[in-house]
Amino acid sequence: MRVAIIGAGKMGRWFTKFFKEEGYSVIVSSRTREKLLALKDEFGVEMAESNVAAIEGADRVLLCVPLENLEAVLEEISSHIRSKQVVMDICSIKEIPVNLLHKYVKKGIVLGTHPVFGPGAKSIEGQNYVLTPINDKEMKFAKKFGTWLEEKGAKVVITSPRDHDELMSVVLGFPHFLGLVVGDTLLNYSNFVEAKDVAGASYRLLLTLAEAVASEETGFYSNLQMSLPEVEKIEGLFLEKVEEWLELVRRKDCSGFSSKMEQVKKRLKELDPDYERYYEVMYRLLDDS
């Protein structure tokens, strides 16, 4: 099996290492020659002089490029893709990339994929991996590829591009939005630095979210916020709920606050019976850190 990886960024490097360790022949192309040389020195992979050269002779083509660059890459390689090749992307949203794959790839098989983890993952074991086929041919390959990923320890979900993007509005978009708003709020609070010195687990959990989100690549998450179909809806709902809770605080309505908190606890327990145990473990880890 020969895999062509287009893009030598952090995830391109991750998949280069992954497929190389699985014993596959790997060839990589990138606009940045320094990144290619680094991959060649580290993993002994082949360097391609161009994206077109990379896909020649490859069984599978993995597009590890940002969404804003995907169409240009597909336009460049589209006429060179053969009927038996599989072309996959790894973008964090799926409707737009899948539409682009079908627009430009007229031969072979395409499959939208989303590895729901970052380049810091030490292995694929235990990681979520979403596949988004939209026809029978893609579904057949998705099941085969999904089985292979599961054998490596991944948790595979097969769904539609639209359903994926709606879920990612909650899974990626909302936590990112929340982390940025939390960070922006804390940075405008006069005792922010002093608060860190006396913080317990709850505050450190909040701060961890803010710092984790702030460390991410700004262009990627800006595009994510503008592209996810349900993100404005859930973020708007969040603002409505903020006003509801804040009004209870303004009125010093202790009983109302307690009653609303009990409702939240009850619903969480109904929907996720294990949530209390999960957070007990997480708080214990924070206390020990």
Protein backbone atom coordinates (compact mmCIF):
# COMPACT_ATOMS: atom_id res chain seq x y z
CA MET A 1 0.00 0.00 0.00
CA ARG A 2 1.34 3.41 -1.00
CA VAL A 3 -0.01 6.56 0.66
CA ALA A 4 0.47 10.08 -0.66
CA ILE A 5 0.14 12.78 1.98
CA ILE A 6 -0.37 16.31 0.72
CA GLY A 7 0.55 18.80 3.41
CA ALA A 8 3.43 18.60 5.88
CA GLY A 9 1.93 20.55 8.76
CA LYS A 10 1.29 19.12 12.21
CA MET A 11 -1.39 16.65 11.14
CA GLY A 12 0.46 15.82 7.94
CA ARG A 13 3.43 14.91 10.11
CA TRP A 14 1.20 12.86 12.43
CA PHE A 15 -0.21 10.79 9.58
CA THR A 16 3.22 10.42 7.97
CA LYS A 17 4.46 8.84 11.18
CA PHE A 18 1.29 6.75 11.59
CA PHE A 19 1.28 5.22 8.11
CA LYS A 20 5.05 4.74 8.13
CA GLU A 21 4.84 2.80 11.40
CA GLU A 22 2.07 0.68 9.87
CA GLY A 23 4.56 -0.41 7.22
CA TYR A 24 3.14 1.57 4.31
CA SER A 25 5.15 3.30 1.62
CA VAL A 26 4.67 7.03 2.19
CA ILE A 27 5.37 9.98 -0.08
CA VAL A 28 4.75 13.57 1.05
CA SER A 29 4.34 16.87 -0.78
CA SER A 30 4.26 20.37 0.66
CA ARG A 31 4.70 23.99 -0.35
CA THR A 32 7.36 24.26 2.34
CA ARG A 33 10.52 22.37 1.42
CA GLU A 34 11.98 22.71 4.92
CA LYS A 35 9.06 20.71 6.32
CA LEU A 36 9.57 18.02 3.69
CA LEU A 37 13.26 17.73 4.50
CA ALA A 38 12.43 17.44 8.19
CA LEU A 39 10.00 14.58 7.51
CA LYS A 40 12.49 12.84 5.28
CA ASP A 41 15.20 13.06 7.93
CA GLU A 42 12.88 11.92 10.74
CA PHE A 43 10.90 9.15 9.05
CA GLY A 44 12.77 8.32 5.87
CA VAL A 45 9.80 9.07 3.63
CA GLU A 46 9.96 10.11 0.01
CA MET A 47 9.64 13.76 -0.93
CA ALA A 48 7.58 14.73 -3.98
CA GLU A 49 8.46 17.72 -6.08
CA SER A 50 4.78 18.57 -6.50
CA ASN A 51 1.31 17.49 -5.42
CA VAL A 52 0.77 15.90 -8.82
CA ALA A 53 4.00 13.92 -8.53
CA ALA A 54 2.98 12.76 -5.06
CA ILE A 55 -0.24 11.07 -6.18
CA GLU A 56 1.33 9.20 -9.09
CA GLY A 57 1.42 5.54 -8.11
CA ALA A 58 -0.33 6.13 -4.78
CA ASP A 59 -3.21 3.90 -3.70
CA ARG A 60 -4.55 6.44 -1.26
CA VAL A 61 -4.27 10.22 -1.17
CA LEU A 62 -4.69 12.00 2.16
CA LEU A 63 -5.25 15.75 1.97
CA CYS A 64 -3.83 17.30 5.15
CA VAL A 65 -4.34 20.92 4.15
CA PRO A 66 -6.45 23.70 5.70
CA LEU A 67 -9.96 24.16 4.39
CA GLU A 68 -9.04 27.46 2.73
CA ASN A 69 -6.39 25.66 0.62
CA LEU A 70 -8.39 22.52 -0.18
CA GLU A 71 -10.06 23.67 -3.38
CA ALA A 72 -6.80 24.87 -4.94
CA VAL A 73 -5.13 21.52 -4.20
CA LEU A 74 -8.06 19.54 -5.59
CA GLU A 75 -8.13 21.67 -8.72
CA GLU A 76 -4.41 21.01 -9.18
CA ILE A 77 -4.55 17.22 -8.83
CA SER A 78 -8.06 16.43 -10.12
CA SER A 79 -7.15 15.51 -13.71
CA HIS A 80 -4.35 13.22 -12.50
CA ILE A 81 -6.44 11.02 -10.17
CA ARG A 82 -6.91 7.45 -11.39
CA SER A 83 -10.03 5.30 -11.13
CA LYS A 84 -8.73 3.02 -8.35
CA GLN A 85 -7.34 5.73 -6.09
CA VAL A 86 -9.01 6.82 -2.85
CA VAL A 87 -8.89 10.52 -1.98
CA MET A 88 -9.65 11.60 1.59
CA ASP A 89 -9.53 14.90 3.46
CA ILE A 90 -9.19 15.44 7.24
CA CYS A 91 -10.92 18.81 7.66
CA SER A 92 -12.81 19.43 10.90
CA ILE A 93 -15.98 20.35 9.04
CA LYS A 94 -17.35 18.05 6.37
CA GLU A 95 -20.11 19.47 4.16
CA ILE A 96 -17.88 21.96 2.35
CA PRO A 97 -14.90 19.57 1.86
CA VAL A 98 -17.12 16.68 0.71
CA ASN A 99 -18.81 18.94 -1.84
CA LEU A 100 -15.39 20.02 -3.09
CA LEU A 101 -14.20 16.40 -3.33
CA HIS A 102 -17.20 15.54 -5.50
CA LYS A 103 -16.80 18.66 -7.60
CA TYR A 104 -13.21 17.92 -8.58
CA VAL A 105 -12.65 14.16 -8.28
CA LYS A 106 -14.43 12.42 -11.15
CA LYS A 107 -12.50 9.15 -10.95
CA GLY A 108 -11.68 6.95 -7.99
CA ILE A 109 -13.35 7.07 -4.57
CA VAL A 110 -13.58 10.06 -2.26
CA LEU A 111 -14.31 10.04 1.46
CA GLY A 112 -14.70 12.85 3.93
CA THR A 113 -12.98 12.00 7.22
CA HIS A 114 -12.39 13.79 10.50
CA PRO A 115 -9.82 12.48 12.96
CA VAL A 116 -11.20 14.12 16.11
CA PHE A 117 -7.84 14.58 17.79
CA GLY A 118 -4.84 16.83 17.47
CA PRO A 119 -1.19 16.30 16.58
CA GLY A 120 -0.38 15.75 20.25
CA ALA A 121 -2.10 12.34 20.24
CA LYS A 122 0.53 9.68 20.91
CA SER A 123 -1.40 6.99 19.03
CA ILE A 124 -4.74 6.38 17.36
CA GLU A 125 -5.85 4.07 20.15
CA GLY A 126 -8.91 5.42 21.94
CA GLN A 127 -9.29 8.35 19.52
CA ASN A 128 -12.55 9.24 17.76
CA TYR A 129 -12.51 9.06 13.97
CA VAL A 130 -15.52 10.16 11.91
CA LEU A 131 -16.19 9.02 8.32
CA THR A 132 -18.82 10.72 6.14
CA PRO A 133 -19.71 8.70 3.01
CA ILE A 134 -22.62 9.94 0.88
CA ASN A 135 -23.18 7.07 -1.57
CA ASP A 136 -22.98 3.27 -1.70
CA LYS A 137 -19.45 3.16 -3.13
CA GLU A 138 -18.14 5.45 -0.42
CA MET A 139 -20.05 3.54 2.27
CA LYS A 140 -18.46 0.28 1.16
CA PHE A 141 -14.98 1.76 1.47
CA ALA A 142 -15.85 3.59 4.71
CA LYS A 143 -16.86 0.31 6.37
CA LYS A 144 -13.65 -1.36 5.23
CA PHE A 145 -11.47 1.57 6.30
CA GLY A 146 -13.42 1.94 9.53
CA THR A 147 -12.85 -1.71 10.42
CA TRP A 148 -9.13 -1.25 9.83
CA LEU A 149 -9.08 1.84 12.07
CA GLU A 150 -10.97 -0.03 14.79
CA GLU A 151 -8.40 -2.82 14.65
CA LYS A 152 -5.82 -0.13 15.45
CA GLY A 153 -7.86 0.95 18.48
CA ALA A 154 -9.78 3.94 17.08
CA LYS A 155 -13.45 4.61 17.83
CA VAL A 156 -15.12 4.99 14.45
CA VAL A 157 -18.40 6.79 13.73
CA ILE A 158 -19.99 6.79 10.27
CA THR A 159 -22.45 9.61 9.64
CA SER A 160 -23.49 12.18 7.03
CA PRO A 161 -21.50 15.38 6.44
CA ARG A 162 -24.43 17.50 7.64
CA ASP A 163 -24.98 15.50 10.82
CA HIS A 164 -21.24 15.64 11.49
CA ASP A 165 -21.15 19.41 11.18
CA GLU A 166 -24.17 19.85 13.45
CA LEU A 167 -22.47 17.70 16.09
CA MET A 168 -19.19 19.61 15.69
CA SER A 169 -21.07 22.83 16.42
CA VAL A 170 -21.45 21.43 19.94
CA VAL A 171 -18.25 19.38 20.17
CA LEU A 172 -15.79 21.93 18.75
CA GLY A 173 -17.46 25.25 18.05
CA PHE A 174 -19.20 25.87 21.37
CA PRO A 175 -16.29 24.89 23.69
CA HIS A 176 -13.98 27.09 21.61
CA PHE A 177 -16.40 30.01 21.84
CA LEU A 178 -16.87 29.45 25.56
CA GLY A 179 -13.11 29.23 26.19
CA LEU A 180 -12.46 32.49 24.36
CA VAL A 181 -15.25 34.33 26.17
CA VAL A 182 -14.02 32.96 29.52
CA GLY A 183 -10.45 34.02 28.74
CA ASP A 184 -11.54 37.46 27.57
CA THR A 185 -13.61 37.88 30.74
CA LEU A 186 -10.86 36.79 33.13
CA LEU A 187 -8.27 38.98 31.45
CA ASN A 188 -10.52 41.97 32.05
CA TYR A 189 -10.97 41.12 35.72
CA SER A 190 -8.58 43.10 37.89
CA ASN A 191 -7.66 40.23 40.25
CA PHE A 192 -7.05 37.64 37.55
CA VAL A 193 -3.42 36.97 38.50
CA GLU A 194 -4.11 36.85 42.25
CA ALA A 195 -7.02 34.46 41.68
CA LYS A 196 -4.68 31.91 40.12
CA ASP A 197 -2.69 31.75 43.36
CA VAL A 198 -5.68 30.67 45.47
CA ALA A 199 -7.59 28.68 42.83
CA GLY A 200 -9.31 25.38 43.47
CA ALA A 201 -10.22 22.69 40.95
CA SER A 202 -13.24 24.48 39.45
CA TYR A 203 -11.36 27.67 38.62
CA ARG A 204 -8.38 25.73 37.29
CA LEU A 205 -10.71 23.73 35.07
CA LEU A 206 -12.14 26.96 33.67
CA LEU A 207 -8.68 28.45 33.22
CA THR A 208 -7.43 25.29 31.52
CA LEU A 209 -10.21 25.57 28.93
CA ALA A 210 -9.44 29.25 28.29
CA GLU A 211 -5.69 28.67 27.95
CA ALA A 212 -6.13 25.58 25.76
CA VAL A 213 -8.40 27.42 23.33
CA ALA A 214 -6.21 30.54 23.25
CA SER A 215 -3.20 28.42 22.26
CA GLU A 216 -4.90 27.11 19.10
CA GLU A 217 -4.22 28.39 15.58
CA THR A 218 -6.41 31.45 15.06
CA GLY A 219 -7.16 31.02 11.35
CA PHE A 220 -8.36 27.45 11.77
CA TYR A 221 -10.80 28.24 14.57
CA SER A 222 -12.00 31.45 12.95
CA ASN A 223 -12.98 29.46 9.84
CA LEU A 224 -14.56 26.82 12.06
CA GLN A 225 -16.76 29.38 13.83
CA MET A 226 -17.92 30.83 10.50
CA SER A 227 -18.60 27.46 8.83
CA LEU A 228 -20.37 25.21 11.35
CA PRO A 229 -24.12 25.21 10.64
CA GLU A 230 -25.48 25.18 14.20
CA VAL A 231 -22.80 27.13 16.06
CA GLU A 232 -24.61 30.49 16.01
CA LYS A 233 -27.76 28.80 17.32
CA ILE A 234 -26.08 27.14 20.31
CA GLU A 235 -23.95 30.17 21.12
CA GLY A 236 -27.07 32.34 20.99
CA LEU A 237 -28.83 29.90 23.32
CA PHE A 238 -25.85 30.15 25.67
CA LEU A 239 -26.23 33.94 25.83
CA GLU A 240 -29.94 33.56 26.61
CA LYS A 241 -29.11 31.17 29.46
CA VAL A 242 -26.45 33.54 30.78
CA GLU A 243 -29.13 36.24 31.05
CA GLU A 244 -31.51 33.85 32.84
CA TRP A 245 -28.94 32.87 35.46
CA LEU A 246 -27.62 36.40 35.83
CA GLU A 247 -31.11 37.71 36.49
CA LEU A 248 -31.41 35.29 39.43
CA VAL A 249 -28.14 36.65 40.81
CA ARG A 250 -29.25 40.25 40.29
CA ARG A 251 -32.47 39.58 42.23
CA LYS A 252 -30.54 37.72 44.96
CA ASP A 253 -32.98 34.87 44.37
CA CYS A 254 -31.20 32.12 46.28
CA SER A 255 -34.13 29.68 46.20
CA GLY A 256 -34.67 30.26 42.49
CA PHE A 257 -30.97 29.69 41.80
CA SER A 258 -30.97 26.49 43.85
CA SER A 259 -34.11 25.23 42.13
CA LYS A 260 -32.66 25.87 38.67
CA MET A 261 -29.41 24.18 39.65
CA GLU A 262 -31.33 21.12 40.86
CA GLN A 263 -33.15 20.98 37.52
CA VAL A 264 -29.84 21.00 35.66
CA LYS A 265 -28.42 18.27 37.89
CA LYS A 266 -31.54 16.14 37.42
CA ARG A 267 -31.49 16.43 33.63
CA LEU A 268 -27.78 15.74 33.42
CA LYS A 269 -28.21 12.61 35.50
CA GLU A 270 -31.11 11.46 33.32
CA LEU A 271 -29.16 11.98 30.10
CA ASP A 272 -25.76 10.84 31.38
CA PRO A 273 -25.92 8.68 34.54
CA ASP A 274 -22.13 8.55 34.81
CA TYR A 275 -21.51 12.30 34.72
CA GLU A 276 -20.94 12.68 38.48
CA ARG A 277 -18.36 9.89 38.56
CA TYR A 278 -16.58 11.37 35.54
CA TYR A 279 -16.24 14.79 37.14
CA GLU A 280 -15.16 13.36 40.47
CA VAL A 281 -12.24 11.72 38.67
CA MET A 282 -11.44 14.90 36.75
CA TYR A 283 -11.50 17.10 39.84
CA ARG A 284 -9.27 14.61 41.66
CA LEU A 285 -6.75 14.82 38.84
CA LEU A 286 -6.83 18.61 38.98
CA ASP A 287 -6.35 18.58 42.76
CA ASP A 288 -3.35 16.26 42.39
CA SER A 289 -1.72 18.36 39.67
